[in-house]
Amino acid sequence: MSMTTTTEPAAVLEYRLSATDRCDSCGAQAYIAAEVGGSELLYCAHHGRKYEEKLRAIATSWHDETARLDERD
């Protein structure tokens, strides 16, 4: 008797920021999303890093897509 095994496809990101998501501080494209007090805050890489220490202490989630910046080269 032969058994076949199936492999699950690689996990797909269920949440991806797009070019229309803008930084709450300066309006640049957002690459970081943090949930704080039930609200989503969006930040560009610069402001995300600037506020990261304080935000991570109070955020219930932190979504970072700044690695995408390296993909543009």
PDB file of N, CA and C in Angstrom:
ATOM      1  N   MET A   1       0.845  -1.178   0.000  1.00  0.00           N
ATOM      2  CA  MET A   1       0.000   0.000   0.000  1.00  0.00           C
ATOM      3  C   MET A   1       0.890   1.242   0.000  1.00  0.00           C
ATOM      4  N   SER A   2       0.621   2.137  -0.878  1.00  0.00           N
ATOM      5  CA  SER A   2       1.433   3.339  -0.985  1.00  0.00           C
ATOM      6  C   SER A   2       0.698   4.515  -0.348  1.00  0.00           C
ATOM      7  N   MET A   3       1.462   5.317   0.363  1.00  0.00           N
ATOM      8  CA  MET A   3       0.877   6.505   1.001  1.00  0.00           C
ATOM      9  C   MET A   3       1.469   7.737   0.354  1.00  0.00           C
ATOM     10  N   THR A   4       0.633   8.695   0.124  1.00  0.00           N
ATOM     11  CA  THR A   4       1.127   9.965  -0.389  1.00  0.00           C
ATOM     12  C   THR A   4       1.030  11.001   0.715  1.00  0.00           C
ATOM     13  N   THR A   5       1.998  11.834   0.746  1.00  0.00           N
ATOM     14  CA  THR A   5       1.974  12.910   1.738  1.00  0.00           C
ATOM     15  C   THR A   5       1.864  14.231   0.995  1.00  0.00           C
ATOM     16  N   THR A   6       1.175  15.120   1.591  1.00  0.00           N
ATOM     17  CA  THR A   6       1.049  16.447   0.991  1.00  0.00           C
ATOM     18  C   THR A   6       1.768  17.435   1.887  1.00  0.00           C
ATOM     19  N   THR A   7       2.385  18.352   1.264  1.00  0.00           N
ATOM     20  CA  THR A   7       3.034  19.416   2.016  1.00  0.00           C
ATOM     21  C   THR A   7       2.183  20.666   1.918  1.00  0.00           C
ATOM     22  N   GLU A   8       2.053  21.300   3.025  1.00  0.00           N
ATOM     23  CA  GLU A   8       1.276  22.538   3.066  1.00  0.00           C
ATOM     24  C   GLU A   8       2.090  23.642   2.401  1.00  0.00           C
ATOM     25  N   PRO A   9       1.439  24.535   1.680  1.00  0.00           N
ATOM     26  CA  PRO A   9       2.168  25.666   1.100  1.00  0.00           C
ATOM     27  C   PRO A   9       2.708  26.562   2.210  1.00  0.00           C
ATOM     28  N   ALA A  10       3.746  27.283   1.882  1.00  0.00           N
ATOM     29  CA  ALA A  10       4.339  28.203   2.857  1.00  0.00           C
ATOM     30  C   ALA A  10       3.274  29.186   3.338  1.00  0.00           C
ATOM     31  N   ALA A  11       3.380  29.558   4.584  1.00  0.00           N
ATOM     32  CA  ALA A  11       2.411  30.495   5.167  1.00  0.00           C
ATOM     33  C   ALA A  11       2.447  31.819   4.405  1.00  0.00           C
ATOM     34  N   VAL A  12       1.289  32.336   4.138  1.00  0.00           N
ATOM     35  CA  VAL A  12       1.163  33.606   3.442  1.00  0.00           C
ATOM     36  C   VAL A  12       0.850  34.670   4.483  1.00  0.00           C
ATOM     37  N   LEU A  13       1.491  35.805   4.352  1.00  0.00           N
ATOM     38  CA  LEU A  13       1.196  36.894   5.277  1.00  0.00           C
ATOM     39  C   LEU A  13      -0.271  37.252   5.151  1.00  0.00           C
ATOM     40  N   GLU A  14      -0.970  37.246   6.269  1.00  0.00           N
ATOM     41  CA  GLU A  14      -2.384  37.574   6.213  1.00  0.00           C
ATOM     42  C   GLU A  14      -2.622  39.074   6.239  1.00  0.00           C
ATOM     43  N   TYR A  15      -1.609  39.822   6.577  1.00  0.00           N
ATOM     44  CA  TYR A  15      -1.749  41.276   6.641  1.00  0.00           C
ATOM     45  C   TYR A  15      -0.542  41.898   5.971  1.00  0.00           C
ATOM     46  N   ARG A  16      -0.775  42.701   4.992  1.00  0.00           N
ATOM     47  CA  ARG A  16       0.333  43.344   4.289  1.00  0.00           C
ATOM     48  C   ARG A  16      -0.015  44.809   4.071  1.00  0.00           C
ATOM     49  N   LEU A  17       0.868  45.670   4.486  1.00  0.00           N
ATOM     50  CA  LEU A  17       0.666  47.098   4.281  1.00  0.00           C
ATOM     51  C   LEU A  17       0.850  47.417   2.800  1.00  0.00           C
ATOM     52  N   SER A  18       0.107  48.380   2.305  1.00  0.00           N
ATOM     53  CA  SER A  18       0.206  48.755   0.892  1.00  0.00           C
ATOM     54  C   SER A  18       0.681  50.198   0.772  1.00  0.00           C
ATOM     55  N   ALA A  19       0.878  50.617  -0.448  1.00  0.00           N
ATOM     56  CA  ALA A  19       1.337  51.985  -0.702  1.00  0.00           C
ATOM     57  C   ALA A  19       0.327  53.026  -0.250  1.00  0.00           C
ATOM     58  N   THR A  20      -0.916  52.619  -0.046  1.00  0.00           N
ATOM     59  CA  THR A  20      -1.928  53.580   0.401  1.00  0.00           C
ATOM     60  C   THR A  20      -1.934  53.750   1.918  1.00  0.00           C
ATOM     61  N   ASP A  21      -1.215  52.883   2.641  1.00  0.00           N
ATOM     62  CA  ASP A  21      -1.106  53.030   4.096  1.00  0.00           C
ATOM     63  C   ASP A  21      -0.027  54.057   4.389  1.00  0.00           C
ATOM     64  N   ARG A  22      -0.389  55.079   5.137  1.00  0.00           N
ATOM     65  CA  ARG A  22       0.515  56.224   5.342  1.00  0.00           C
ATOM     66  C   ARG A  22       0.880  56.399   6.809  1.00  0.00           C
ATOM     67  N   CYS A  23       2.071  56.905   7.051  1.00  0.00           N
ATOM     68  CA  CYS A  23       2.578  57.167   8.395  1.00  0.00           C
ATOM     69  C   CYS A  23       1.707  58.211   9.090  1.00  0.00           C
ATOM     70  N   ASP A  24       1.324  57.914  10.332  1.00  0.00           N
ATOM     71  CA  ASP A  24       0.513  58.854  11.112  1.00  0.00           C
ATOM     72  C   ASP A  24       1.299  60.101  11.498  1.00  0.00           C
ATOM     73  N   SER A  25       2.632  60.059  11.449  1.00  0.00           N
ATOM     74  CA  SER A  25       3.437  61.226  11.816  1.00  0.00           C
ATOM     75  C   SER A  25       3.739  62.157  10.653  1.00  0.00           C
ATOM     76  N   CYS A  26       4.098  61.563   9.491  1.00  0.00           N
ATOM     77  CA  CYS A  26       4.564  62.422   8.404  1.00  0.00           C
ATOM     78  C   CYS A  26       3.890  62.186   7.057  1.00  0.00           C
ATOM     79  N   GLY A  27       3.109  61.132   6.928  1.00  0.00           N
ATOM     80  CA  GLY A  27       2.418  60.876   5.679  1.00  0.00           C
ATOM     81  C   GLY A  27       3.186  60.031   4.675  1.00  0.00           C
ATOM     82  N   ALA A  28       4.411  59.628   5.001  1.00  0.00           N
ATOM     83  CA  ALA A  28       5.180  58.744   4.114  1.00  0.00           C
ATOM     84  C   ALA A  28       4.555  57.348   4.131  1.00  0.00           C
ATOM     85  N   GLN A  29       4.994  56.480   3.228  1.00  0.00           N
ATOM     86  CA  GLN A  29       4.450  55.126   3.185  1.00  0.00           C
ATOM     87  C   GLN A  29       4.737  54.413   4.501  1.00  0.00           C
ATOM     88  N   ALA A  30       3.715  53.745   5.034  1.00  0.00           N
ATOM     89  CA  ALA A  30       3.850  53.033   6.310  1.00  0.00           C
ATOM     90  C   ALA A  30       4.408  51.634   6.092  1.00  0.00           C
ATOM     91  N   TYR A  31       5.338  51.257   6.938  1.00  0.00           N
ATOM     92  CA  TYR A  31       5.917  49.916   6.933  1.00  0.00           C
ATOM     93  C   TYR A  31       5.772  49.240   8.290  1.00  0.00           C
ATOM     94  N   ILE A  32       5.263  49.971   9.267  1.00  0.00           N
ATOM     95  CA  ILE A  32       5.085  49.437  10.615  1.00  0.00           C
ATOM     96  C   ILE A  32       3.662  49.751  11.075  1.00  0.00           C
ATOM     97  N   ALA A  33       3.008  48.737  11.634  1.00  0.00           N
ATOM     98  CA  ALA A  33       1.675  48.921  12.206  1.00  0.00           C
ATOM     99  C   ALA A  33       1.713  48.416  13.638  1.00  0.00           C
ATOM    100  N   ALA A  34       1.215  49.215  14.551  1.00  0.00           N
ATOM    101  CA  ALA A  34       1.152  48.830  15.957  1.00  0.00           C
ATOM    102  C   ALA A  34      -0.276  49.016  16.442  1.00  0.00           C
ATOM    103  N   GLU A  35      -0.746  48.068  17.231  1.00  0.00           N
ATOM    104  CA  GLU A  35      -2.074  48.203  17.815  1.00  0.00           C
ATOM    105  C   GLU A  35      -1.904  48.635  19.262  1.00  0.00           C
ATOM    106  N   VAL A  36      -2.503  49.758  19.585  1.00  0.00           N
ATOM    107  CA  VAL A  36      -2.412  50.321  20.933  1.00  0.00           C
ATOM    108  C   VAL A  36      -3.809  50.739  21.361  1.00  0.00           C
ATOM    109  N   GLY A  37      -4.270  50.188  22.463  1.00  0.00           N
ATOM    110  CA  GLY A  37      -5.588  50.546  22.984  1.00  0.00           C
ATOM    111  C   GLY A  37      -6.718  50.307  22.001  1.00  0.00           C
ATOM    112  N   GLY A  38      -6.591  49.278  21.167  1.00  0.00           N
ATOM    113  CA  GLY A  38      -7.633  48.958  20.209  1.00  0.00           C
ATOM    114  C   GLY A  38      -7.578  49.769  18.924  1.00  0.00           C
ATOM    115  N   SER A  39      -6.621  50.662  18.804  1.00  0.00           N
ATOM    116  CA  SER A  39      -6.461  51.470  17.592  1.00  0.00           C
ATOM    117  C   SER A  39      -5.177  51.088  16.878  1.00  0.00           C
ATOM    118  N   GLU A  40      -5.209  51.141  15.555  1.00  0.00           N
ATOM    119  CA  GLU A  40      -4.016  50.846  14.781  1.00  0.00           C
ATOM    120  C   GLU A  40      -3.267  52.130  14.485  1.00  0.00           C
ATOM    121  N   LEU A  41      -1.981  52.119  14.764  1.00  0.00           N
ATOM    122  CA  LEU A  41      -1.106  53.244  14.457  1.00  0.00           C
ATOM    123  C   LEU A  41      -0.168  52.801  13.349  1.00  0.00           C
ATOM    124  N   LEU A  42       0.010  53.640  12.338  1.00  0.00           N
ATOM    125  CA  LEU A  42       0.880  53.321  11.211  1.00  0.00           C
ATOM    126  C   LEU A  42       2.059  54.274  11.190  1.00  0.00           C
ATOM    127  N   TYR A  43       3.244  53.727  10.900  1.00  0.00           N
ATOM    128  CA  TYR A  43       4.453  54.541  10.862  1.00  0.00           C
ATOM    129  C   TYR A  43       5.360  54.146   9.717  1.00  0.00           C
ATOM    130  N   CYS A  44       6.062  55.125   9.175  1.00  0.00           N
ATOM    131  CA  CYS A  44       7.120  54.854   8.206  1.00  0.00           C
ATOM    132  C   CYS A  44       8.275  54.217   8.989  1.00  0.00           C
ATOM    133  N   ALA A  45       9.285  53.756   8.292  1.00  0.00           N
ATOM    134  CA  ALA A  45      10.415  53.115   8.968  1.00  0.00           C
ATOM    135  C   ALA A  45      11.076  54.078   9.961  1.00  0.00           C
ATOM    136  N   HIS A  46      11.267  55.326   9.553  1.00  0.00           N
ATOM    137  CA  HIS A  46      11.929  56.320  10.415  1.00  0.00           C
ATOM    138  C   HIS A  46      11.173  56.532  11.726  1.00  0.00           C
ATOM    139  N   HIS A  47       9.886  56.842  11.631  1.00  0.00           N
ATOM    140  CA  HIS A  47       9.119  57.116  12.849  1.00  0.00           C
ATOM    141  C   HIS A  47       8.840  55.842  13.647  1.00  0.00           C
ATOM    142  N   GLY A  48       8.703  54.724  12.973  1.00  0.00           N
ATOM    143  CA  GLY A  48       8.537  53.457  13.682  1.00  0.00           C
ATOM    144  C   GLY A  48       9.724  53.167  14.579  1.00  0.00           C
ATOM    145  N   ARG A  49      10.924  53.377  14.044  1.00  0.00           N
ATOM    146  CA  ARG A  49      12.135  53.157  14.846  1.00  0.00           C
ATOM    147  C   ARG A  49      12.255  54.207  15.955  1.00  0.00           C
ATOM    148  N   LYS A  50      11.863  55.430  15.648  1.00  0.00           N
ATOM    149  CA  LYS A  50      11.950  56.510  16.627  1.00  0.00           C
ATOM    150  C   LYS A  50      11.078  56.224  17.855  1.00  0.00           C
ATOM    151  N   TYR A  51       9.868  55.684  17.626  1.00  0.00           N
ATOM    152  CA  TYR A  51       8.926  55.451  18.718  1.00  0.00           C
ATOM    153  C   TYR A  51       8.858  53.994  19.173  1.00  0.00           C
ATOM    154  N   GLU A  52       9.662  53.124  18.569  1.00  0.00           N
ATOM    155  CA  GLU A  52       9.545  51.689  18.819  1.00  0.00           C
ATOM    156  C   GLU A  52       9.645  51.299  20.294  1.00  0.00           C
ATOM    157  N   GLU A  53      10.609  51.795  20.995  1.00  0.00           N
ATOM    158  CA  GLU A  53      10.793  51.397  22.393  1.00  0.00           C
ATOM    159  C   GLU A  53       9.554  51.706  23.235  1.00  0.00           C
ATOM    160  N   LYS A  54       9.033  52.905  23.099  1.00  0.00           N
ATOM    161  CA  LYS A  54       7.844  53.293  23.871  1.00  0.00           C
ATOM    162  C   LYS A  54       6.602  52.543  23.407  1.00  0.00           C
ATOM    163  N   LEU A  55       6.458  52.388  22.090  1.00  0.00           N
ATOM    164  CA  LEU A  55       5.270  51.716  21.563  1.00  0.00           C
ATOM    165  C   LEU A  55       5.232  50.237  21.925  1.00  0.00           C
ATOM    166  N   ARG A  56       6.352  49.552  21.802  1.00  0.00           N
ATOM    167  CA  ARG A  56       6.370  48.115  22.110  1.00  0.00           C
ATOM    168  C   ARG A  56       5.979  47.836  23.554  1.00  0.00           C
ATOM    169  N   ALA A  57       6.255  48.776  24.441  1.00  0.00           N
ATOM    170  CA  ALA A  57       5.914  48.593  25.854  1.00  0.00           C
ATOM    171  C   ALA A  57       4.401  48.592  26.081  1.00  0.00           C
ATOM    172  N   ILE A  58       3.648  49.236  25.184  1.00  0.00           N
ATOM    173  CA  ILE A  58       2.204  49.340  25.381  1.00  0.00           C
ATOM    174  C   ILE A  58       1.386  48.699  24.253  1.00  0.00           C
ATOM    175  N   ALA A  59       2.034  48.305  23.166  1.00  0.00           N
ATOM    176  CA  ALA A  59       1.324  47.755  22.009  1.00  0.00           C
ATOM    177  C   ALA A  59       0.874  46.320  22.265  1.00  0.00           C
ATOM    178  N   THR A  60      -0.314  45.995  21.771  1.00  0.00           N
ATOM    179  CA  THR A  60      -0.794  44.611  21.846  1.00  0.00           C
ATOM    180  C   THR A  60      -0.351  43.822  20.627  1.00  0.00           C
ATOM    181  N   SER A  61       0.062  44.511  19.558  1.00  0.00           N
ATOM    182  CA  SER A  61       0.657  43.836  18.403  1.00  0.00           C
ATOM    183  C   SER A  61       1.614  44.796  17.710  1.00  0.00           C
ATOM    184  N   TRP A  62       2.593  44.198  17.021  1.00  0.00           N
ATOM    185  CA  TRP A  62       3.603  44.975  16.307  1.00  0.00           C
ATOM    186  C   TRP A  62       3.858  44.269  14.987  1.00  0.00           C
ATOM    187  N   HIS A  63       3.596  44.922  13.887  1.00  0.00           N
ATOM    188  CA  HIS A  63       3.765  44.344  12.553  1.00  0.00           C
ATOM    189  C   HIS A  63       4.793  45.184  11.806  1.00  0.00           C
ATOM    190  N   ASP A  64       5.927  44.584  11.455  1.00  0.00           N
ATOM    191  CA  ASP A  64       7.050  45.309  10.871  1.00  0.00           C
ATOM    192  C   ASP A  64       7.369  44.756   9.482  1.00  0.00           C
ATOM    193  N   GLU A  65       7.221  45.587   8.475  1.00  0.00           N
ATOM    194  CA  GLU A  65       7.539  45.201   7.104  1.00  0.00           C
ATOM    195  C   GLU A  65       8.706  46.015   6.546  1.00  0.00           C
ATOM    196  N   THR A  66       9.564  46.544   7.405  1.00  0.00           N
ATOM    197  CA  THR A  66      10.672  47.363   6.930  1.00  0.00           C
ATOM    198  C   THR A  66      11.663  46.557   6.089  1.00  0.00           C
ATOM    199  N   ALA A  67      11.666  45.243   6.197  1.00  0.00           N
ATOM    200  CA  ALA A  67      12.547  44.413   5.367  1.00  0.00           C
ATOM    201  C   ALA A  67      12.215  44.583   3.891  1.00  0.00           C
ATOM    202  N   ARG A  68      10.991  44.988   3.589  1.00  0.00           N
ATOM    203  CA  ARG A  68      10.594  45.235   2.205  1.00  0.00           C
ATOM    204  C   ARG A  68      11.411  46.352   1.574  1.00  0.00           C
ATOM    205  N   LEU A  69      11.938  47.260   2.382  1.00  0.00           N
ATOM    206  CA  LEU A  69      12.738  48.361   1.847  1.00  0.00           C
ATOM    207  C   LEU A  69      14.003  47.827   1.174  1.00  0.00           C
ATOM    208  N   ASP A  70      14.567  46.758   1.695  1.00  0.00           N
ATOM    209  CA  ASP A  70      15.761  46.149   1.116  1.00  0.00           C
ATOM    210  C   ASP A  70      15.458  45.473  -0.212  1.00  0.00           C
ATOM    211  N   GLU A  71      14.214  45.046  -0.432  1.00  0.00           N
ATOM    212  CA  GLU A  71      13.808  44.361  -1.653  1.00  0.00           C
ATOM    213  C   GLU A  71      13.776  45.297  -2.856  1.00  0.00           C
ATOM    214  N   ARG A  72      13.719  46.592  -2.614  1.00  0.00           N
ATOM    215  CA  ARG A  72      13.584  47.554  -3.708  1.00  0.00           C
ATOM    216  C   ARG A  72      14.906  47.791  -4.438  1.00  0.00           C
ATOM    217  N   ASP A  73      16.007  47.380  -3.867  1.00  0.00           N
ATOM    218  CA  ASP A  73      17.321  47.628  -4.494  1.00  0.00           C
ATOM    219  C   ASP A  73      17.517  46.830  -5.755  1.00  0.00           C
TER     220      ASP A  73
END
